[in-house]
Amino acid sequence: MKTFVTGATGLLGNNLVRALRAEGHQVRALVRSEEKARRLLGDTGAELVVGDMENVQGFAGALAGCEVVFHTAAYFREYYGAGDHWPKLEEINVRGVLALADAARTRGVRRFVDTSSAGTIGMRATGEPGDEDTPPAAIAARNLYLKSKVVGGAQLRAFAQRTRFDLVQVLPGWMFGPWDAAPTASGRIVLDYLSGRLPAIPPGGSHIVDARDVAAGMIRAAERGSRGSRYVLAGDFFTLGEVADILARVTGRPAPRARIPYPVAWTYAAVAQTWARLTGGETLVTLAGVRLMHAQLRVSSDKARNELGWRHRPLLETLRDEVAWYRAQGLAIEPTSAGRTAVTQGAGPTA
């Protein structure tokens, strides 16, 4: 296939570019920084296209000749900081994706594979895990990132139906894995664990999946997914305590024993978010994140397994590979036996 990948330097986009190239597909990779992209994707042979989802027309010509567009770009990491992010979420995750789909359609793209989120799926009234046909949970309206995915996804499906455009959507769980150079919130958890800056375990949990497995699922969706279908690619459910226990096995460092009750986590997030807003700083702990983990939504990936033959690897393997990647890049700062910290030696940062 001749493919176009947006968000190509992100956790999912980077692994998708690598998976496509490994299977012999041609890739045009949309990136915002050519310098960063050369560091992260320079070994892949992908053709780099510099552009931004806030100006789709600026790079739309590069869609010509492509058969499949894989859309992974989103306003995501920044949302979990303090402040009102809805205007930017709407601009990129709603209007941007519609503009991209329209540009792809008019340039003859055969199929558009869009990335949504398993967080947009609620649980069934019976308490059983939700699936692609289950309405969003109430929290999806309060979490503005999820709201942007619900609104943008619905408008995209309406556009595809109106124009008869070939659309398939994938809905990943919380992604971990190597090549999380930014890093995302999941990558920060791994790095904080390695550095000893995770003294206690927050409440809640989520479905967790390896970004490499999501990338593989997207390729299978492009090849054999049913037109107009959605596919949950969520992995298994883990509490944050279980994630810490697996990290202890992978790193050899003991997991924190202390657990933070939900009311304490909620109060801390509220104070940290308010302080960041007042000072113009940043916080890694927000009310949106705490509420989402506390909701502990369960979803089913059965449709992807049955129709796409999708499978996912064990979380132990994912975290082992992610830790090894951070160490190899020299990005892991770990305490020494004397109590000091040291940067794990490796090939040097690639981000």
Protein backbone atom coordinates (compact mmCIF):
# COMPACT_ATOMS: atom_id res chain seq x y z
CA MET A 1 0.00 0.00 0.00
CA LYS A 2 0.94 3.63 -0.49
CA THR A 3 0.04 5.14 2.88
CA PHE A 4 -0.14 8.48 4.65
CA VAL A 5 0.32 8.57 8.45
CA THR A 6 -0.49 11.60 10.57
CA GLY A 7 1.05 12.10 14.01
CA ALA A 8 4.00 10.04 12.83
CA THR A 9 6.41 10.93 15.65
CA GLY A 10 3.93 10.07 18.42
CA LEU A 11 3.85 6.80 20.33
CA LEU A 12 1.28 5.19 18.03
CA GLY A 13 2.34 6.94 14.84
CA ASN A 14 6.01 5.97 15.20
CA ASN A 15 5.17 2.32 15.81
CA LEU A 16 2.67 2.37 12.93
CA VAL A 17 5.25 3.77 10.51
CA ARG A 18 7.68 1.03 11.57
CA ALA A 19 5.05 -1.70 11.23
CA LEU A 20 4.03 -0.50 7.77
CA ARG A 21 7.61 -0.33 6.56
CA ALA A 22 8.35 -3.78 8.00
CA GLU A 23 5.51 -5.17 5.87
CA GLY A 24 6.86 -3.44 2.76
CA HIS A 25 4.36 -0.58 2.49
CA GLN A 26 5.29 2.92 1.35
CA VAL A 27 4.79 5.65 3.96
CA ARG A 28 4.40 9.39 3.80
CA ALA A 29 4.69 10.61 7.38
CA LEU A 30 3.11 13.88 8.51
CA VAL A 31 5.34 15.58 11.10
CA ARG A 32 5.43 19.03 12.66
CA SER A 33 9.22 19.14 13.10
CA GLU A 34 11.51 17.75 10.41
CA GLU A 35 14.47 17.76 12.81
CA LYS A 36 12.63 15.70 15.41
CA ALA A 37 11.25 13.39 12.72
CA ARG A 38 14.73 12.67 11.34
CA ARG A 39 15.87 11.64 14.82
CA LEU A 40 12.84 9.42 15.45
CA LEU A 41 12.05 8.11 11.96
CA GLY A 42 15.29 8.54 10.05
CA ASP A 43 15.96 4.80 10.01
CA THR A 44 12.53 3.86 8.62
CA GLY A 45 12.80 5.10 5.04
CA ALA A 46 9.52 7.00 5.39
CA GLU A 47 8.99 10.13 3.28
CA LEU A 48 8.58 13.10 5.62
CA VAL A 49 5.87 15.70 5.05
CA VAL A 50 6.00 18.76 7.29
CA GLY A 51 2.56 20.07 8.23
CA ASP A 52 0.04 20.67 10.97
CA MET A 53 -3.53 19.48 11.55
CA GLU A 54 -4.58 23.09 12.12
CA ASN A 55 -3.78 23.76 8.45
CA VAL A 56 -4.73 20.67 6.47
CA GLN A 57 -4.68 22.51 3.15
CA GLY A 58 -1.03 23.29 3.73
CA PHE A 59 -0.08 19.62 3.22
CA ALA A 60 -3.16 18.24 1.42
CA GLY A 61 -1.30 17.90 -1.88
CA ALA A 62 0.87 15.17 -0.32
CA LEU A 63 -2.23 12.96 -0.02
CA ALA A 64 -2.36 12.52 -3.79
CA GLY A 65 -1.39 9.02 -4.87
CA CYS A 66 -1.94 7.49 -1.42
CA GLU A 67 -4.33 4.57 -1.06
CA VAL A 68 -4.85 4.64 2.70
CA VAL A 69 -4.68 7.41 5.29
CA PHE A 70 -3.95 6.39 8.89
CA HIS A 71 -4.95 9.26 11.15
CA THR A 72 -3.25 9.07 14.58
CA ALA A 73 -2.60 12.78 15.24
CA ALA A 74 -4.63 14.35 18.04
CA TYR A 75 -4.53 17.11 20.59
CA PHE A 76 -4.06 14.80 23.56
CA ARG A 77 -1.05 15.18 25.85
CA GLU A 78 -1.51 18.92 26.19
CA TYR A 79 -5.13 18.52 27.26
CA TYR A 80 -4.12 16.89 30.53
CA GLY A 81 -2.42 20.10 31.61
CA ALA A 82 -4.28 22.94 33.27
CA GLY A 83 -6.52 25.42 31.47
CA ASP A 84 -9.46 25.48 29.05
CA HIS A 85 -8.47 23.36 26.06
CA TRP A 86 -11.80 22.95 24.28
CA PRO A 87 -11.09 25.46 21.45
CA LYS A 88 -7.88 23.60 20.54
CA LEU A 89 -9.50 20.18 20.97
CA GLU A 90 -12.34 21.19 18.67
CA GLU A 91 -9.99 22.73 16.10
CA ILE A 92 -7.77 19.64 15.79
CA ASN A 93 -9.86 16.65 16.90
CA VAL A 94 -13.13 17.71 15.27
CA ARG A 95 -12.67 20.25 12.46
CA GLY A 96 -9.16 19.04 11.61
CA VAL A 97 -10.12 15.42 11.10
CA LEU A 98 -13.10 16.41 8.93
CA ALA A 99 -10.87 18.62 6.79
CA LEU A 100 -8.37 15.76 6.46
CA ALA A 101 -11.05 13.27 5.42
CA ASP A 102 -12.45 15.68 2.84
CA ALA A 103 -8.98 16.36 1.43
CA ALA A 104 -8.26 12.63 1.25
CA ARG A 105 -11.57 11.87 -0.49
CA THR A 106 -11.09 14.54 -3.15
CA ARG A 107 -7.59 13.20 -3.87
CA GLY A 108 -8.72 9.64 -4.44
CA VAL A 109 -7.69 8.00 -1.16
CA ARG A 110 -9.32 4.57 -1.03
CA ARG A 111 -9.70 4.10 2.75
CA PHE A 112 -9.42 6.32 5.82
CA VAL A 113 -8.46 4.63 9.13
CA ASP A 114 -9.23 6.96 12.03
CA THR A 115 -7.99 6.61 15.62
CA SER A 116 -10.54 7.28 18.34
CA SER A 117 -10.42 6.00 21.94
CA ALA A 118 -11.84 3.09 23.90
CA GLY A 119 -12.67 5.72 26.53
CA THR A 120 -15.59 6.80 24.37
CA ILE A 121 -17.27 3.43 25.01
CA GLY A 122 -19.48 3.07 28.08
CA MET A 123 -20.39 -0.11 29.93
CA ARG A 124 -23.67 -1.94 29.35
CA ALA A 125 -26.61 -1.38 31.66
CA THR A 126 -26.03 -4.91 32.99
CA GLY A 127 -22.53 -3.93 34.13
CA GLU A 128 -20.89 -6.02 31.40
CA PRO A 129 -18.08 -4.56 29.26
CA GLY A 130 -19.21 -2.28 26.47
CA ASP A 131 -18.52 -2.78 22.78
CA GLU A 132 -18.61 -0.76 19.57
CA ASP A 133 -22.40 -0.38 19.79
CA THR A 134 -22.51 0.77 23.43
CA PRO A 135 -23.21 4.50 23.96
CA PRO A 136 -20.48 6.62 25.60
CA ALA A 137 -20.24 6.74 29.39
CA ALA A 138 -21.29 9.93 31.15
CA ILE A 139 -17.66 10.73 31.89
CA ALA A 140 -17.01 11.14 28.15
CA ALA A 141 -18.99 14.40 28.26
CA ARG A 142 -16.99 15.75 31.23
CA ASN A 143 -13.58 14.70 29.92
CA LEU A 144 -13.10 17.19 27.10
CA TYR A 145 -10.59 15.03 25.22
CA LEU A 146 -13.07 12.15 25.12
CA LYS A 147 -15.84 14.60 24.24
CA SER A 148 -13.80 15.76 21.24
CA LYS A 149 -13.42 12.14 20.14
CA VAL A 150 -17.13 11.44 20.54
CA VAL A 151 -18.14 14.59 18.63
CA GLY A 152 -15.42 14.28 16.00
CA GLY A 153 -16.07 10.58 15.47
CA ALA A 154 -19.81 11.10 15.01
CA GLN A 155 -19.28 13.92 12.51
CA LEU A 156 -16.71 11.86 10.65
CA ARG A 157 -19.11 8.92 10.33
CA ALA A 158 -21.85 11.25 9.13
CA PHE A 159 -19.46 12.70 6.54
CA ALA A 160 -18.48 9.21 5.34
CA GLN A 161 -22.10 8.14 5.03
CA ARG A 162 -23.07 11.33 3.20
CA THR A 163 -20.18 11.16 0.73
CA ARG A 164 -19.89 7.34 0.56
CA PHE A 165 -16.28 7.65 1.74
CA ASP A 166 -14.63 4.43 2.97
CA LEU A 167 -14.03 4.94 6.69
CA VAL A 168 -12.89 2.53 9.41
CA GLN A 169 -12.29 3.60 13.03
CA VAL A 170 -10.14 1.97 15.69
CA LEU A 171 -10.58 2.61 19.42
CA PRO A 172 -7.40 1.82 21.39
CA GLY A 173 -7.08 1.39 25.13
CA TRP A 174 -4.39 3.21 27.13
CA MET A 175 -1.22 2.72 25.12
CA PHE A 176 2.22 1.82 26.50
CA GLY A 177 5.31 0.68 24.64
CA PRO A 178 8.68 1.64 23.16
CA TRP A 179 9.18 4.80 21.10
CA ASP A 180 7.22 6.92 23.58
CA ALA A 181 9.66 9.77 23.15
CA ALA A 182 7.45 12.71 24.16
CA PRO A 183 6.58 11.02 26.59
CA THR A 184 2.83 10.44 27.02
CA ALA A 185 1.31 10.01 30.49
CA SER A 186 2.00 6.28 30.34
CA GLY A 187 5.63 6.91 29.50
CA ARG A 188 5.93 9.36 32.38
CA ILE A 189 4.66 6.66 34.75
CA VAL A 190 7.40 4.29 33.58
CA LEU A 191 10.09 6.98 33.82
CA ASP A 192 8.86 8.09 37.26
CA TYR A 193 8.95 4.49 38.44
CA LEU A 194 12.52 4.10 37.20
CA SER A 195 13.63 7.30 38.91
CA GLY A 196 11.92 6.51 42.21
CA ARG A 197 9.52 9.45 41.86
CA LEU A 198 6.44 7.25 42.28
CA PRO A 199 6.16 7.00 46.08
CA ALA A 200 2.52 5.84 46.15
CA ILE A 201 0.00 4.27 43.80
CA PRO A 202 -3.02 6.33 42.66
CA PRO A 203 -6.45 4.68 42.52
CA GLY A 204 -8.20 3.22 39.51
CA GLY A 205 -7.19 1.48 36.35
CA SER A 206 -7.79 1.08 32.63
CA HIS A 207 -7.53 -1.25 29.67
CA ILE A 208 -3.88 -1.20 28.61
CA VAL A 209 -2.50 -2.16 25.21
CA ASP A 210 0.85 -2.12 23.46
CA ALA A 211 1.08 0.61 20.80
CA ARG A 212 2.73 -1.94 18.49
CA ASP A 213 -0.38 -4.13 18.72
CA VAL A 214 -2.63 -1.16 17.98
CA ALA A 215 -0.48 -0.41 14.93
CA ALA A 216 -0.85 -4.00 13.75
CA GLY A 217 -4.61 -3.78 14.29
CA MET A 218 -4.81 -0.61 12.22
CA ILE A 219 -3.05 -2.29 9.32
CA ARG A 220 -5.40 -5.27 9.52
CA ALA A 221 -8.34 -2.83 9.64
CA ALA A 222 -7.06 -1.19 6.46
CA GLU A 223 -6.71 -4.54 4.73
CA ARG A 224 -9.82 -6.40 5.85
CA GLY A 225 -11.96 -4.22 8.10
CA SER A 226 -15.60 -3.76 7.12
CA ARG A 227 -16.43 -0.41 5.62
CA GLY A 228 -17.99 1.91 8.22
CA SER A 229 -17.00 -0.36 11.12
CA ARG A 230 -15.43 0.52 14.45
CA TYR A 231 -12.97 -1.81 16.21
CA VAL A 232 -12.02 -1.66 19.89
CA LEU A 233 -8.32 -2.50 20.36
CA ALA A 234 -8.19 -2.25 24.13
CA GLY A 235 -6.08 -5.02 25.62
CA ASP A 236 -6.67 -6.28 29.17
CA PHE A 237 -7.78 -4.28 32.21
CA PHE A 238 -5.19 -3.48 34.87
CA THR A 239 -5.27 -1.42 38.03
CA LEU A 240 -2.40 1.00 38.51
CA GLY A 241 -1.28 -1.18 41.39
CA GLU A 242 -0.99 -4.15 39.05
CA VAL A 243 1.02 -2.04 36.60
CA ALA A 244 3.42 -1.15 39.43
CA ASP A 245 3.78 -4.82 40.38
CA ILE A 246 4.72 -5.73 36.81
CA LEU A 247 7.19 -2.84 36.65
CA ALA A 248 8.76 -4.24 39.83
CA ARG A 249 9.31 -7.57 38.04
CA VAL A 250 10.72 -5.84 34.96
CA THR A 251 13.04 -3.37 36.69
CA GLY A 252 14.02 -5.20 39.87
CA ARG A 253 12.94 -2.16 41.87
CA PRO A 254 10.34 -2.71 44.61
CA ALA A 255 6.86 -1.36 43.95
CA PRO A 256 5.53 1.35 46.28
CA ARG A 257 3.30 -0.13 48.99
CA ALA A 258 1.31 3.01 49.77
CA ARG A 259 -2.05 3.47 48.07
CA ILE A 260 -3.72 6.86 47.61
CA PRO A 261 -7.48 6.89 48.37
CA TYR A 262 -9.68 8.42 45.68
CA PRO A 263 -10.78 11.46 47.76
CA VAL A 264 -7.15 12.31 48.46
CA ALA A 265 -6.19 11.93 44.81
CA TRP A 266 -9.16 14.07 43.75
CA THR A 267 -8.28 16.83 46.22
CA TYR A 268 -4.61 16.80 45.25
CA ALA A 269 -5.51 17.01 41.55
CA ALA A 270 -7.87 19.92 42.18
CA VAL A 271 -5.20 21.86 44.11
CA ALA A 272 -2.42 21.05 41.62
CA GLN A 273 -4.56 22.02 38.64
CA THR A 274 -5.62 25.31 40.25
CA TRP A 275 -2.03 26.15 41.19
CA ALA A 276 -0.82 25.44 37.66
CA ARG A 277 -3.54 27.68 36.24
CA LEU A 278 -2.64 30.53 38.61
CA THR A 279 1.12 30.29 38.05
CA GLY A 280 1.11 29.37 34.37
CA GLY A 281 2.92 26.13 35.20
CA GLU A 282 2.13 22.50 34.45
CA THR A 283 0.76 19.59 36.44
CA LEU A 284 0.85 15.90 35.61
CA VAL A 285 -2.10 15.17 37.94
CA THR A 286 -5.44 16.57 36.80
CA LEU A 287 -9.06 16.02 37.73
CA ALA A 288 -9.78 14.66 34.25
CA GLY A 289 -7.11 12.00 34.61
CA VAL A 290 -8.09 11.02 38.16
CA ARG A 291 -11.79 10.77 37.25
CA LEU A 292 -11.08 8.67 34.17
CA MET A 293 -8.93 6.17 36.09
CA HIS A 294 -11.53 5.99 38.85
CA ALA A 295 -14.33 5.21 36.36
CA GLN A 296 -12.62 1.89 35.52
CA LEU A 297 -14.59 1.40 32.31
CA ARG A 298 -14.50 -2.12 30.87
CA VAL A 299 -14.75 -2.76 27.15
CA SER A 300 -14.57 -5.77 24.83
CA SER A 301 -12.19 -6.27 21.89
CA ASP A 302 -14.03 -9.39 20.65
CA LYS A 303 -15.07 -7.82 17.33
CA ALA A 304 -11.46 -7.05 16.40
CA ARG A 305 -10.36 -10.53 17.42
CA ASN A 306 -13.11 -12.20 15.39
CA GLU A 307 -13.08 -10.03 12.26
CA LEU A 308 -9.46 -8.88 12.05
CA GLY A 309 -7.70 -11.77 13.78
CA TRP A 310 -6.26 -9.18 16.19
CA ARG A 311 -4.24 -10.29 19.21
CA HIS A 312 -2.24 -8.39 21.83
CA ARG A 313 0.88 -9.30 23.77
CA PRO A 314 1.13 -9.60 27.58
CA LEU A 315 1.69 -6.37 29.50
CA LEU A 316 4.85 -7.86 31.00
CA GLU A 317 6.40 -7.98 27.53
CA THR A 318 5.26 -4.43 26.75
CA LEU A 319 6.72 -2.93 29.91
CA ARG A 320 9.93 -4.94 29.59
CA ASP A 321 10.47 -3.59 26.07
CA GLU A 322 9.51 -0.03 27.04
CA VAL A 323 11.92 0.02 29.98
CA ALA A 324 14.67 -1.43 27.78
CA TRP A 325 14.02 1.25 25.15
CA TYR A 326 14.21 4.11 27.66
CA ARG A 327 17.43 2.70 29.07
CA ALA A 328 18.94 2.22 25.61
CA GLN A 329 18.16 5.83 24.70
CA GLY A 330 19.75 7.17 27.88
CA LEU A 331 16.43 8.62 29.03
CA ALA A 332 16.02 6.59 32.23
CA ILE A 333 17.29 8.34 35.38
CA GLU A 334 17.64 5.66 38.06
CA PRO A 335 18.84 5.71 41.69
CA THR A 336 22.20 4.08 42.34
CA SER A 337 22.92 1.76 45.25
CA ALA A 338 24.36 4.76 47.12
CA GLY A 339 21.06 6.61 46.82
CA ARG A 340 22.24 8.96 44.07
CA THR A 341 20.70 9.05 40.61
CA ALA A 342 22.35 8.23 37.32
CA VAL A 343 21.31 8.31 33.69
CA THR A 344 21.34 4.84 32.20
CA GLN A 345 23.95 4.79 29.47
CA GLY A 346 22.75 4.12 25.98
CA ALA A 347 22.82 5.37 22.44
CA GLY A 348 21.71 8.84 23.46
CA PRO A 349 18.33 10.56 23.40
CA THR A 350 16.26 10.35 20.23
CA ALA A 351 13.69 12.91 21.29
